[in-house]
Amino acid sequence: MKTDTSQKILDFIKKNRQASPKKLVNYTGFGAPAIFRQLKKLQNRGLLAKTGKPPRVYYHLPLEKNLPKINNVSEALSVTIHLKKFGRFLSARPYGQQTWLALQPLLAKKISGKEKIFIDFAGVQVLCPGWADEFISSLKKRYPKQVVLLPSNNASVKMSLEFVGG
């Protein structure tokens, strides 16, 4: 059974994809010790995952709960991977690595040597170089002639892609 505090935390993170403890304190109105206690309980129950190191720690849903629901995986992945389904703020290198590792088995089963893999950045507000390096660079190494990065007007996407050579 979830308490009101833990439910508020989960609702906030579902809506925003990730949250820092400070944002959760501001949102809920509860003190930092109460928030940290609830975060620890939610982590122990497998409802939340933690990324980063102090002072930049973020809590998010475990990756398997964040994966998009796709009926025809082969068709969807051979056409487009919508990065917004993994969050609007793609900001942590370990989370980029988790995303890559989670999609790797699906890609290996469903992508042959011919399909193009389109990466769509629409809806992504922040793409940090570390996340892009872990996910996009790994994808390009595995499928060097198949990855197509769709154009984006977002400055953080452009800068991160320059960093990783996209």
N, C-alpha and C. Protein backbone atom coordinates (compact mmCIF):
# COMPACT_ATOMS: atom_id res chain seq x y z
N MET A 1 0.84 -1.18 0.00
CA MET A 1 0.00 0.00 0.00
C MET A 1 0.89 1.24 0.00
N LYS A 2 0.58 2.17 -0.88
CA LYS A 2 1.38 3.38 -0.99
C LYS A 2 0.81 4.47 -0.09
N THR A 3 1.71 5.22 0.55
CA THR A 3 1.26 6.35 1.35
C THR A 3 0.98 7.52 0.43
N ASP A 4 0.31 8.54 0.97
CA ASP A 4 0.04 9.74 0.17
C ASP A 4 1.33 10.37 -0.32
N THR A 5 2.35 10.37 0.54
CA THR A 5 3.63 10.97 0.16
C THR A 5 4.27 10.20 -0.98
N SER A 6 4.33 8.89 -0.87
CA SER A 6 4.95 8.11 -1.94
C SER A 6 4.14 8.20 -3.22
N GLN A 7 2.82 8.27 -3.11
CA GLN A 7 1.98 8.41 -4.30
C GLN A 7 2.22 9.76 -4.97
N LYS A 8 2.36 10.82 -4.18
CA LYS A 8 2.66 12.14 -4.74
C LYS A 8 4.00 12.12 -5.47
N ILE A 9 4.98 11.46 -4.87
CA ILE A 9 6.31 11.36 -5.48
C ILE A 9 6.22 10.61 -6.81
N LEU A 10 5.54 9.48 -6.81
CA LEU A 10 5.40 8.69 -8.04
C LEU A 10 4.65 9.46 -9.12
N ASP A 11 3.58 10.15 -8.74
CA ASP A 11 2.81 10.94 -9.71
C ASP A 11 3.67 12.03 -10.33
N PHE A 12 4.45 12.71 -9.50
CA PHE A 12 5.33 13.78 -10.00
C PHE A 12 6.37 13.22 -10.97
N ILE A 13 6.96 12.09 -10.63
CA ILE A 13 8.00 11.50 -11.48
C ILE A 13 7.39 10.94 -12.76
N LYS A 14 6.20 10.36 -12.68
CA LYS A 14 5.54 9.88 -13.91
C LYS A 14 5.28 11.03 -14.86
N LYS A 15 4.87 12.16 -14.30
CA LYS A 15 4.57 13.33 -15.13
C LYS A 15 5.83 13.95 -15.72
N ASN A 16 6.89 14.05 -14.93
CA ASN A 16 8.11 14.75 -15.34
C ASN A 16 9.25 13.83 -15.77
N ARG A 17 9.05 12.53 -15.70
CA ARG A 17 10.02 11.50 -16.08
C ARG A 17 11.18 11.34 -15.11
N GLN A 18 11.56 12.40 -14.41
CA GLN A 18 12.62 12.31 -13.40
C GLN A 18 12.47 13.50 -12.47
N ALA A 19 13.11 13.42 -11.31
CA ALA A 19 13.04 14.52 -10.35
C ALA A 19 14.22 14.46 -9.41
N SER A 20 14.65 15.65 -9.00
CA SER A 20 15.69 15.74 -7.97
C SER A 20 14.98 15.77 -6.62
N PRO A 21 15.68 15.40 -5.55
CA PRO A 21 15.06 15.46 -4.23
C PRO A 21 14.56 16.87 -3.89
N LYS A 22 15.31 17.89 -4.31
CA LYS A 22 14.91 19.27 -4.03
C LYS A 22 13.57 19.60 -4.69
N LYS A 23 13.38 19.17 -5.93
CA LYS A 23 12.11 19.41 -6.61
C LYS A 23 10.97 18.69 -5.91
N LEU A 24 11.25 17.49 -5.41
CA LEU A 24 10.21 16.74 -4.71
C LEU A 24 9.84 17.40 -3.38
N VAL A 25 10.83 17.95 -2.69
CA VAL A 25 10.55 18.68 -1.44
C VAL A 25 9.67 19.88 -1.75
N ASN A 26 10.01 20.64 -2.79
CA ASN A 26 9.22 21.82 -3.16
C ASN A 26 7.81 21.43 -3.59
N TYR A 27 7.69 20.36 -4.36
CA TYR A 27 6.39 19.94 -4.88
C TYR A 27 5.47 19.42 -3.78
N THR A 28 6.00 18.56 -2.92
CA THR A 28 5.15 17.92 -1.91
C THR A 28 4.93 18.78 -0.67
N GLY A 29 5.89 19.66 -0.38
CA GLY A 29 5.79 20.45 0.84
C GLY A 29 6.28 19.72 2.08
N PHE A 30 6.78 18.52 1.92
CA PHE A 30 7.32 17.76 3.03
C PHE A 30 8.80 18.06 3.20
N GLY A 31 9.34 17.78 4.37
CA GLY A 31 10.75 18.02 4.64
C GLY A 31 11.64 17.02 3.91
N ALA A 32 12.90 17.40 3.77
CA ALA A 32 13.87 16.54 3.08
C ALA A 32 13.99 15.16 3.71
N PRO A 33 14.05 15.04 5.06
CA PRO A 33 14.17 13.69 5.63
C PRO A 33 13.00 12.77 5.25
N ALA A 34 11.79 13.33 5.25
CA ALA A 34 10.62 12.53 4.88
C ALA A 34 10.69 12.10 3.42
N ILE A 35 11.11 13.00 2.56
CA ILE A 35 11.23 12.68 1.13
C ILE A 35 12.28 11.59 0.91
N PHE A 36 13.45 11.75 1.54
CA PHE A 36 14.50 10.74 1.38
C PHE A 36 14.06 9.37 1.91
N ARG A 37 13.30 9.37 2.99
CA ARG A 37 12.79 8.11 3.56
C ARG A 37 11.85 7.43 2.54
N GLN A 38 10.95 8.22 1.95
CA GLN A 38 10.02 7.67 0.97
C GLN A 38 10.75 7.21 -0.30
N LEU A 39 11.74 7.99 -0.74
CA LEU A 39 12.51 7.61 -1.93
C LEU A 39 13.21 6.27 -1.71
N LYS A 40 13.78 6.09 -0.53
CA LYS A 40 14.47 4.84 -0.21
C LYS A 40 13.49 3.67 -0.23
N LYS A 41 12.30 3.86 0.35
CA LYS A 41 11.29 2.80 0.36
C LYS A 41 10.85 2.46 -1.07
N LEU A 42 10.64 3.49 -1.89
CA LEU A 42 10.21 3.25 -3.27
C LEU A 42 11.30 2.53 -4.07
N GLN A 43 12.55 2.88 -3.81
CA GLN A 43 13.67 2.20 -4.46
C GLN A 43 13.72 0.73 -4.04
N ASN A 44 13.58 0.48 -2.76
CA ASN A 44 13.64 -0.89 -2.24
C ASN A 44 12.53 -1.77 -2.81
N ARG A 45 11.38 -1.16 -3.11
CA ARG A 45 10.26 -1.92 -3.69
C ARG A 45 10.35 -2.01 -5.21
N GLY A 46 11.38 -1.40 -5.79
CA GLY A 46 11.57 -1.47 -7.24
C GLY A 46 10.70 -0.52 -8.04
N LEU A 47 10.10 0.46 -7.36
CA LEU A 47 9.23 1.40 -8.06
C LEU A 47 9.98 2.61 -8.60
N LEU A 48 11.18 2.86 -8.08
CA LEU A 48 12.01 3.98 -8.53
C LEU A 48 13.44 3.52 -8.72
N ALA A 49 14.14 4.23 -9.59
CA ALA A 49 15.57 4.01 -9.77
C ALA A 49 16.26 5.35 -9.55
N LYS A 50 17.51 5.29 -9.15
CA LYS A 50 18.28 6.49 -8.84
C LYS A 50 19.45 6.57 -9.83
N THR A 51 19.69 7.78 -10.33
CA THR A 51 20.79 8.00 -11.26
C THR A 51 21.61 9.18 -10.78
N GLY A 52 22.91 9.09 -10.94
CA GLY A 52 23.80 10.20 -10.60
C GLY A 52 24.40 10.05 -9.23
N LYS A 53 25.24 11.04 -8.92
CA LYS A 53 25.91 11.11 -7.63
C LYS A 53 25.68 12.50 -7.06
N PRO A 54 25.66 12.62 -5.72
CA PRO A 54 25.46 13.94 -5.13
C PRO A 54 26.50 14.93 -5.66
N PRO A 55 26.13 16.13 -5.94
CA PRO A 55 24.83 16.78 -5.68
C PRO A 55 23.83 16.62 -6.82
N ARG A 56 24.15 15.91 -7.88
CA ARG A 56 23.23 15.75 -9.01
C ARG A 56 22.65 14.34 -9.02
N VAL A 57 21.64 14.16 -8.22
CA VAL A 57 20.96 12.87 -8.12
C VAL A 57 19.55 13.05 -8.65
N TYR A 58 19.12 12.11 -9.47
CA TYR A 58 17.77 12.14 -10.02
C TYR A 58 17.12 10.79 -9.78
N TYR A 59 15.83 10.84 -9.54
CA TYR A 59 15.05 9.63 -9.38
C TYR A 59 14.11 9.53 -10.57
N HIS A 60 13.93 8.32 -11.09
CA HIS A 60 13.09 8.09 -12.25
C HIS A 60 12.48 6.71 -12.13
N LEU A 61 11.49 6.45 -12.99
CA LEU A 61 10.91 5.11 -13.03
C LEU A 61 11.97 4.15 -13.55
N PRO A 62 11.97 2.92 -13.10
CA PRO A 62 12.91 1.95 -13.67
C PRO A 62 12.70 1.86 -15.17
N LEU A 63 13.75 1.63 -15.90
CA LEU A 63 13.70 1.69 -17.35
C LEU A 63 12.62 0.81 -17.95
N GLU A 64 12.43 -0.39 -17.44
CA GLU A 64 11.44 -1.28 -18.03
C GLU A 64 10.02 -0.71 -17.93
N LYS A 65 9.77 0.17 -16.96
CA LYS A 65 8.45 0.80 -16.86
C LYS A 65 8.36 2.01 -17.79
N ASN A 66 9.50 2.48 -18.30
CA ASN A 66 9.56 3.64 -19.17
C ASN A 66 9.58 3.29 -20.64
N LEU A 67 9.78 2.02 -20.97
CA LEU A 67 9.86 1.64 -22.36
C LEU A 67 8.52 1.86 -23.05
N PRO A 68 8.55 2.31 -24.29
CA PRO A 68 7.30 2.53 -24.99
C PRO A 68 6.58 1.21 -25.25
N LYS A 69 5.26 1.29 -25.29
CA LYS A 69 4.46 0.11 -25.62
C LYS A 69 4.38 0.03 -27.14
N ILE A 70 4.95 -1.03 -27.69
CA ILE A 70 4.99 -1.18 -29.14
C ILE A 70 4.41 -2.55 -29.47
N ASN A 71 3.41 -2.57 -30.35
CA ASN A 71 2.80 -3.84 -30.73
C ASN A 71 3.66 -4.59 -31.74
N ASN A 72 4.12 -3.89 -32.76
CA ASN A 72 4.94 -4.51 -33.79
C ASN A 72 6.34 -3.94 -33.66
N VAL A 73 7.17 -4.57 -32.84
CA VAL A 73 8.50 -4.05 -32.53
C VAL A 73 9.35 -3.91 -33.77
N SER A 74 9.30 -4.89 -34.65
CA SER A 74 10.13 -4.85 -35.85
C SER A 74 9.81 -3.62 -36.69
N GLU A 75 8.54 -3.39 -36.91
CA GLU A 75 8.12 -2.25 -37.72
C GLU A 75 8.48 -0.94 -37.04
N ALA A 76 8.20 -0.83 -35.75
CA ALA A 76 8.45 0.42 -35.04
C ALA A 76 9.93 0.74 -34.95
N LEU A 77 10.77 -0.24 -34.64
CA LEU A 77 12.19 0.05 -34.47
C LEU A 77 12.91 0.19 -35.79
N SER A 78 12.43 -0.47 -36.82
CA SER A 78 13.10 -0.32 -38.10
C SER A 78 12.76 1.02 -38.72
N VAL A 79 11.79 1.70 -38.22
CA VAL A 79 11.41 2.99 -38.76
C VAL A 79 11.91 4.12 -37.86
N THR A 80 11.43 4.19 -36.64
CA THR A 80 11.75 5.34 -35.79
C THR A 80 11.84 4.93 -34.32
N ILE A 81 12.83 5.48 -33.64
CA ILE A 81 12.90 5.40 -32.18
C ILE A 81 12.61 6.81 -31.68
N HIS A 82 11.48 6.98 -31.01
CA HIS A 82 11.08 8.28 -30.47
C HIS A 82 11.73 8.46 -29.10
N LEU A 83 12.75 9.29 -29.02
CA LEU A 83 13.48 9.45 -27.76
C LEU A 83 12.63 10.08 -26.66
N LYS A 84 11.59 10.82 -27.03
CA LYS A 84 10.75 11.45 -25.99
C LYS A 84 10.08 10.39 -25.11
N LYS A 85 9.96 9.16 -25.61
CA LYS A 85 9.36 8.10 -24.80
C LYS A 85 10.26 7.71 -23.63
N PHE A 86 11.52 8.12 -23.68
CA PHE A 86 12.45 7.85 -22.58
C PHE A 86 12.61 9.06 -21.67
N GLY A 87 11.89 10.13 -21.99
CA GLY A 87 11.92 11.33 -21.15
C GLY A 87 12.19 12.58 -21.96
N ARG A 88 11.77 13.69 -21.40
CA ARG A 88 12.04 14.99 -22.04
C ARG A 88 13.44 15.47 -21.72
N PHE A 89 13.97 15.03 -20.59
CA PHE A 89 15.30 15.44 -20.14
C PHE A 89 16.20 14.21 -20.11
N LEU A 90 16.97 14.03 -21.16
CA LEU A 90 17.87 12.88 -21.26
C LEU A 90 19.23 13.36 -20.80
N SER A 91 19.46 13.22 -19.49
CA SER A 91 20.55 13.99 -18.90
C SER A 91 21.61 13.21 -18.15
N ALA A 92 21.57 11.92 -18.15
CA ALA A 92 22.57 11.21 -17.36
C ALA A 92 23.19 10.08 -18.18
N ARG A 93 24.50 10.03 -18.19
CA ARG A 93 25.23 9.00 -18.94
C ARG A 93 24.76 7.59 -18.56
N PRO A 94 24.60 7.26 -17.26
CA PRO A 94 24.15 5.90 -16.92
C PRO A 94 22.75 5.58 -17.46
N TYR A 95 21.89 6.58 -17.53
CA TYR A 95 20.54 6.35 -18.05
C TYR A 95 20.59 6.10 -19.56
N GLY A 96 21.49 6.79 -20.27
CA GLY A 96 21.70 6.52 -21.69
C GLY A 96 22.19 5.10 -21.91
N GLN A 97 23.07 4.66 -21.04
CA GLN A 97 23.59 3.30 -21.13
C GLN A 97 22.49 2.29 -20.84
N GLN A 98 21.66 2.57 -19.83
CA GLN A 98 20.54 1.67 -19.51
C GLN A 98 19.58 1.56 -20.69
N THR A 99 19.31 2.69 -21.34
CA THR A 99 18.41 2.70 -22.49
C THR A 99 18.99 1.83 -23.60
N TRP A 100 20.28 2.02 -23.89
CA TRP A 100 20.94 1.22 -24.93
C TRP A 100 20.89 -0.26 -24.59
N LEU A 101 21.23 -0.61 -23.36
CA LEU A 101 21.25 -2.02 -22.96
C LEU A 101 19.86 -2.65 -23.02
N ALA A 102 18.84 -1.86 -22.69
CA ALA A 102 17.47 -2.39 -22.71
C ALA A 102 16.98 -2.61 -24.15
N LEU A 103 17.38 -1.75 -25.07
CA LEU A 103 16.92 -1.89 -26.45
C LEU A 103 17.76 -2.86 -27.28
N GLN A 104 18.96 -3.12 -26.84
CA GLN A 104 19.89 -3.95 -27.61
C GLN A 104 19.30 -5.32 -28.00
N PRO A 105 18.71 -6.07 -27.08
CA PRO A 105 18.15 -7.38 -27.47
C PRO A 105 17.02 -7.25 -28.49
N LEU A 106 16.18 -6.23 -28.34
CA LEU A 106 15.09 -6.02 -29.30
C LEU A 106 15.65 -5.70 -30.68
N LEU A 107 16.64 -4.82 -30.71
CA LEU A 107 17.24 -4.45 -31.99
C LEU A 107 17.92 -5.65 -32.64
N ALA A 108 18.63 -6.43 -31.85
CA ALA A 108 19.35 -7.59 -32.39
C ALA A 108 18.39 -8.60 -33.03
N LYS A 109 17.23 -8.78 -32.43
CA LYS A 109 16.25 -9.74 -32.96
C LYS A 109 15.52 -9.21 -34.19
N LYS A 110 15.24 -7.92 -34.20
CA LYS A 110 14.31 -7.37 -35.17
C LYS A 110 14.93 -6.60 -36.33
N ILE A 111 16.18 -6.19 -36.21
CA ILE A 111 16.79 -5.38 -37.26
C ILE A 111 17.77 -6.25 -38.05
N SER A 112 17.53 -6.32 -39.37
CA SER A 112 18.49 -7.02 -40.22
C SER A 112 19.48 -5.99 -40.77
N GLY A 113 20.23 -6.34 -41.75
CA GLY A 113 21.23 -5.42 -42.29
C GLY A 113 20.67 -4.36 -43.21
N LYS A 114 19.36 -4.34 -43.45
CA LYS A 114 18.81 -3.44 -44.46
C LYS A 114 18.00 -2.27 -43.91
N GLU A 115 17.28 -2.47 -42.82
CA GLU A 115 16.39 -1.41 -42.33
C GLU A 115 17.17 -0.21 -41.82
N LYS A 116 16.59 0.96 -42.03
CA LYS A 116 17.14 2.19 -41.46
C LYS A 116 16.54 2.37 -40.07
N ILE A 117 17.34 2.90 -39.17
CA ILE A 117 16.88 3.19 -37.81
C ILE A 117 16.86 4.70 -37.67
N PHE A 118 15.67 5.28 -37.66
CA PHE A 118 15.52 6.72 -37.53
C PHE A 118 15.43 7.08 -36.05
N ILE A 119 16.18 8.10 -35.65
CA ILE A 119 16.15 8.60 -34.28
C ILE A 119 15.43 9.94 -34.30
N ASP A 120 14.28 10.01 -33.62
CA ASP A 120 13.45 11.21 -33.60
C ASP A 120 13.64 11.93 -32.27
N PHE A 121 14.05 13.21 -32.35
CA PHE A 121 14.31 14.01 -31.15
C PHE A 121 13.13 14.89 -30.77
N ALA A 122 12.03 14.84 -31.51
CA ALA A 122 10.86 15.68 -31.23
C ALA A 122 10.38 15.40 -29.80
N GLY A 123 10.13 16.47 -29.05
CA GLY A 123 9.65 16.34 -27.68
C GLY A 123 10.75 16.27 -26.64
N VAL A 124 12.00 16.10 -27.07
CA VAL A 124 13.12 16.09 -26.13
C VAL A 124 13.52 17.54 -25.87
N GLN A 125 13.50 17.95 -24.62
CA GLN A 125 13.86 19.33 -24.28
C GLN A 125 15.35 19.47 -24.01
N VAL A 126 15.93 18.48 -23.35
CA VAL A 126 17.36 18.52 -23.03
C VAL A 126 17.99 17.18 -23.38
N LEU A 127 19.04 17.23 -24.19
CA LEU A 127 19.83 16.05 -24.50
C LEU A 127 21.26 16.36 -24.12
N CYS A 128 21.74 15.72 -23.08
CA CYS A 128 23.11 15.97 -22.62
C CYS A 128 24.09 15.08 -23.38
N PRO A 129 25.31 15.57 -23.57
CA PRO A 129 26.31 14.81 -24.32
C PRO A 129 26.57 13.41 -23.77
N GLY A 130 26.55 13.25 -22.45
CA GLY A 130 26.81 11.94 -21.86
C GLY A 130 25.75 10.92 -22.26
N TRP A 131 24.47 11.32 -22.20
CA TRP A 131 23.39 10.43 -22.59
C TRP A 131 23.52 10.08 -24.07
N ALA A 132 23.74 11.12 -24.89
CA ALA A 132 23.87 10.91 -26.34
C ALA A 132 25.05 10.01 -26.66
N ASP A 133 26.16 10.22 -25.96
CA ASP A 133 27.35 9.41 -26.21
C ASP A 133 27.07 7.94 -25.92
N GLU A 134 26.45 7.67 -24.78
CA GLU A 134 26.17 6.28 -24.41
C GLU A 134 25.17 5.62 -25.36
N PHE A 135 24.10 6.33 -25.70
CA PHE A 135 23.05 5.70 -26.50
C PHE A 135 23.33 5.78 -28.00
N ILE A 136 23.50 6.99 -28.52
CA ILE A 136 23.63 7.16 -29.97
C ILE A 136 24.95 6.60 -30.49
N SER A 137 26.04 6.85 -29.78
CA SER A 137 27.33 6.32 -30.23
C SER A 137 27.32 4.80 -30.24
N SER A 138 26.72 4.20 -29.22
CA SER A 138 26.63 2.73 -29.17
C SER A 138 25.77 2.20 -30.32
N LEU A 139 24.68 2.89 -30.59
CA LEU A 139 23.79 2.49 -31.69
C LEU A 139 24.52 2.59 -33.03
N LYS A 140 25.27 3.68 -33.22
CA LYS A 140 26.01 3.87 -34.48
C LYS A 140 27.15 2.86 -34.64
N LYS A 141 27.77 2.48 -33.54
CA LYS A 141 28.83 1.46 -33.62
C LYS A 141 28.25 0.11 -34.03
N ARG A 142 27.08 -0.21 -33.49
CA ARG A 142 26.46 -1.51 -33.77
C ARG A 142 25.84 -1.55 -35.16
N TYR A 143 25.23 -0.43 -35.59
CA TYR A 143 24.55 -0.35 -36.89
C TYR A 143 25.08 0.86 -37.66
N PRO A 144 26.32 0.80 -38.14
CA PRO A 144 26.99 1.99 -38.69
C PRO A 144 26.32 2.61 -39.91
N LYS A 145 25.68 1.83 -40.76
CA LYS A 145 25.10 2.39 -41.98
C LYS A 145 23.58 2.53 -41.90
N GLN A 146 23.01 2.20 -40.76
CA GLN A 146 21.56 2.18 -40.67
C GLN A 146 20.98 3.33 -39.86
N VAL A 147 21.76 3.97 -39.01
CA VAL A 147 21.23 5.00 -38.11
C VAL A 147 21.10 6.33 -38.86
N VAL A 148 19.89 6.89 -38.80
CA VAL A 148 19.61 8.19 -39.39
C VAL A 148 19.09 9.09 -38.28
N LEU A 149 19.79 10.19 -38.02
CA LEU A 149 19.37 11.14 -36.99
C LEU A 149 18.48 12.18 -37.65
N LEU A 150 17.22 12.23 -37.24
CA LEU A 150 16.30 13.21 -37.81
C LEU A 150 16.68 14.61 -37.33
N PRO A 151 16.51 15.62 -38.18
CA PRO A 151 16.92 16.98 -37.81
C PRO A 151 16.10 17.52 -36.64
N SER A 152 16.75 18.40 -35.87
CA SER A 152 16.11 19.03 -34.72
C SER A 152 16.57 20.48 -34.63
N ASN A 153 15.66 21.35 -34.21
CA ASN A 153 16.00 22.76 -34.00
C ASN A 153 16.43 23.03 -32.57
N ASN A 154 16.37 22.03 -31.72
CA ASN A 154 16.72 22.18 -30.31
C ASN A 154 18.23 22.35 -30.15
N ALA A 155 18.62 23.43 -29.47
CA ALA A 155 20.05 23.75 -29.32
C ALA A 155 20.80 22.67 -28.54
N SER A 156 20.19 22.12 -27.48
CA SER A 156 20.92 21.11 -26.70
C SER A 156 21.09 19.82 -27.51
N VAL A 157 20.13 19.51 -28.36
CA VAL A 157 20.26 18.33 -29.23
C VAL A 157 21.39 18.56 -30.23
N LYS A 158 21.40 19.73 -30.85
CA LYS A 158 22.44 20.04 -31.84
C LYS A 158 23.83 19.98 -31.22
N MET A 159 23.99 20.60 -30.05
CA MET A 159 25.31 20.62 -29.39
C MET A 159 25.74 19.21 -28.98
N SER A 160 24.82 18.44 -28.44
CA SER A 160 25.17 17.08 -28.02
C SER A 160 25.54 16.21 -29.21
N LEU A 161 24.84 16.39 -30.32
CA LEU A 161 25.16 15.61 -31.52
C LEU A 161 26.51 16.01 -32.10
N GLU A 162 26.85 17.29 -32.01
CA GLU A 162 28.18 17.73 -32.43
C GLU A 162 29.24 17.06 -31.56
N PHE A 163 28.97 16.97 -30.27
CA PHE A 163 29.91 16.35 -29.33
C PHE A 163 30.17 14.89 -29.68
N VAL A 164 29.12 14.16 -30.03
CA VAL A 164 29.27 12.73 -30.32
C VAL A 164 29.53 12.46 -31.80
N GLY A 165 29.62 13.52 -32.58
CA GLY A 165 29.92 13.34 -34.00
C GLY A 165 28.72 12.92 -34.82
N GLY A 166 27.54 13.41 -34.44
CA GLY A 166 26.32 13.02 -35.14
C GLY A 166 25.93 13.91 -36.25
